[in-house]
């Protein structure tokens, strides 16, 4: 989660949750019929995680603890926290997804 340079990301944790979802999918529905099906289920899991996070963030906007301050705007301006999240290059994303797909194919 945290890197030596003080930045952080949740990429590995998110992929672990998506992979866990895929494993449970296989337990409930049987093995994937193809690599494409496994990749599509992984994509489905990631899109659902994104949707759920967006719902949570939307609800946070209205919480009284923020006293009318938009936490999203504070984040976007970079006004909270010393370290910005570490972004991924396209190559990093490809490696993370390929790693997950390889693990899914093994099971």
Protein backbone atom coordinates (compact mmCIF):
# COMPACT_ATOMS: atom_id res chain seq x y z
CA UNK A 1 0.00 0.00 0.00
CA UNK A 2 2.76 2.46 0.94
CA UNK A 3 5.91 2.85 -1.15
CA UNK A 4 9.38 3.73 0.09
CA UNK A 5 9.06 7.22 -1.38
CA UNK A 6 5.98 7.93 0.78
CA UNK A 7 3.41 7.55 -1.98
CA UNK A 8 0.67 4.95 -1.83
CA UNK A 9 -1.90 3.12 -3.92
CA UNK A 10 -4.52 0.44 -3.49
CA UNK A 11 -3.92 -1.31 -6.81
CA UNK A 12 -2.69 -4.58 -5.34
CA UNK A 13 -5.47 -4.71 -2.74
CA UNK A 14 -8.15 -3.97 -5.33
CA UNK A 15 -6.83 -6.65 -7.67
CA UNK A 16 -6.76 -9.13 -4.76
CA UNK A 17 -10.45 -8.45 -4.07
CA UNK A 18 -11.29 -8.83 -7.78
CA UNK A 19 -9.36 -12.10 -7.95
CA UNK A 20 -11.16 -13.36 -4.85
CA UNK A 21 -14.45 -12.55 -6.56
CA UNK A 22 -13.34 -14.52 -9.63
CA UNK A 23 -12.39 -17.51 -7.49
CA UNK A 24 -15.79 -17.48 -5.82
CA UNK A 25 -17.41 -17.15 -9.26
CA UNK A 26 -15.61 -20.34 -10.34
CA UNK A 27 -16.67 -22.13 -7.14
CA UNK A 28 -20.31 -21.20 -7.75
CA UNK A 29 -20.56 -21.47 -11.53
CA UNK A 30 -17.70 -23.77 -12.52
CA UNK A 31 -14.46 -23.13 -14.40
CA UNK A 32 -14.27 -20.42 -17.01
CA UNK A 33 -14.92 -21.75 -20.50
CA UNK A 34 -12.17 -19.60 -22.00
CA UNK A 35 -9.52 -17.00 -21.21
CA UNK A 36 -11.93 -14.41 -22.55
CA UNK A 37 -14.63 -15.40 -20.07
CA UNK A 38 -12.14 -15.18 -17.18
CA UNK A 39 -10.98 -11.75 -18.34
CA UNK A 40 -14.56 -10.54 -18.70
CA UNK A 41 -15.46 -11.69 -15.19
CA UNK A 42 -12.36 -9.92 -13.83
CA UNK A 43 -13.44 -6.78 -15.70
CA UNK A 44 -16.96 -7.16 -14.28
CA UNK A 45 -15.52 -7.35 -10.76
CA UNK A 46 -13.35 -4.26 -11.27
CA UNK A 47 -16.21 -2.25 -12.77
CA UNK A 48 -18.45 -3.22 -9.86
CA UNK A 49 -15.75 -2.14 -7.38
CA UNK A 50 -15.49 1.19 -9.20
CA UNK A 51 -19.26 1.65 -9.10
CA UNK A 52 -19.38 0.83 -5.39
CA UNK A 53 -16.55 3.28 -4.63
CA UNK A 54 -18.32 6.01 -6.58
CA UNK A 55 -21.50 5.37 -4.55
CA UNK A 56 -19.55 5.59 -1.29
CA UNK A 57 -17.83 8.82 -2.37
CA UNK A 58 -21.16 10.33 -3.41
CA UNK A 59 -22.59 9.55 0.02
CA UNK A 60 -19.56 11.08 1.75
CA UNK A 61 -20.27 14.40 0.04
CA UNK A 62 -23.41 14.79 2.16
CA UNK A 63 -22.12 13.70 5.56
CA UNK A 64 -22.49 16.30 8.34
CA UNK A 65 -18.93 15.77 9.55
CA UNK A 66 -17.70 17.76 6.53
CA UNK A 67 -19.87 20.78 7.43
CA UNK A 68 -20.59 21.73 3.83
CA UNK A 69 -17.02 21.21 2.61
CA UNK A 70 -16.76 18.89 -0.38
CA UNK A 71 -14.21 16.18 0.47
CA UNK A 72 -13.91 15.46 -3.27
CA UNK A 73 -12.90 19.06 -3.98
CA UNK A 74 -10.41 19.02 -1.10
CA UNK A 75 -8.83 15.87 -2.55
CA UNK A 76 -8.76 17.26 -6.08
CA UNK A 77 -7.03 20.45 -4.91
CA UNK A 78 -4.49 18.36 -3.02
CA UNK A 79 -5.21 20.15 0.24
CA UNK A 80 -5.17 17.08 2.46
CA UNK A 81 -2.24 14.77 3.02
CA UNK A 82 1.39 15.27 2.11
CA UNK A 83 1.64 12.43 -0.42
CA UNK A 84 -0.34 12.16 -3.60
CA UNK A 85 -1.41 8.68 -4.70
CA UNK A 86 1.10 6.99 -6.95
CA UNK A 87 -0.19 6.73 -10.49
CA UNK A 88 0.42 3.79 -12.72
CA UNK A 89 1.85 3.78 -16.19
CA UNK A 90 0.04 1.84 -18.91
CA UNK A 91 2.77 -0.79 -18.62
CA UNK A 92 2.16 -1.11 -14.86
CA UNK A 93 -1.56 -1.65 -15.43
CA UNK A 94 -0.87 -4.29 -18.07
CA UNK A 95 1.47 -6.16 -15.70
CA UNK A 96 -1.04 -6.09 -12.82
CA UNK A 97 -3.92 -7.33 -14.97
CA UNK A 98 -1.82 -10.00 -16.70
CA UNK A 99 -0.65 -11.26 -13.31
CA UNK A 100 -4.26 -11.56 -12.14
CA UNK A 101 -5.33 -13.32 -15.32
CA UNK A 102 -2.46 -15.82 -15.01
CA UNK A 103 -3.55 -16.64 -11.44
CA UNK A 104 -7.14 -17.08 -12.58
CA UNK A 105 -6.11 -19.46 -15.38
CA UNK A 106 -4.15 -21.65 -12.96
CA UNK A 107 -7.21 -22.27 -10.81
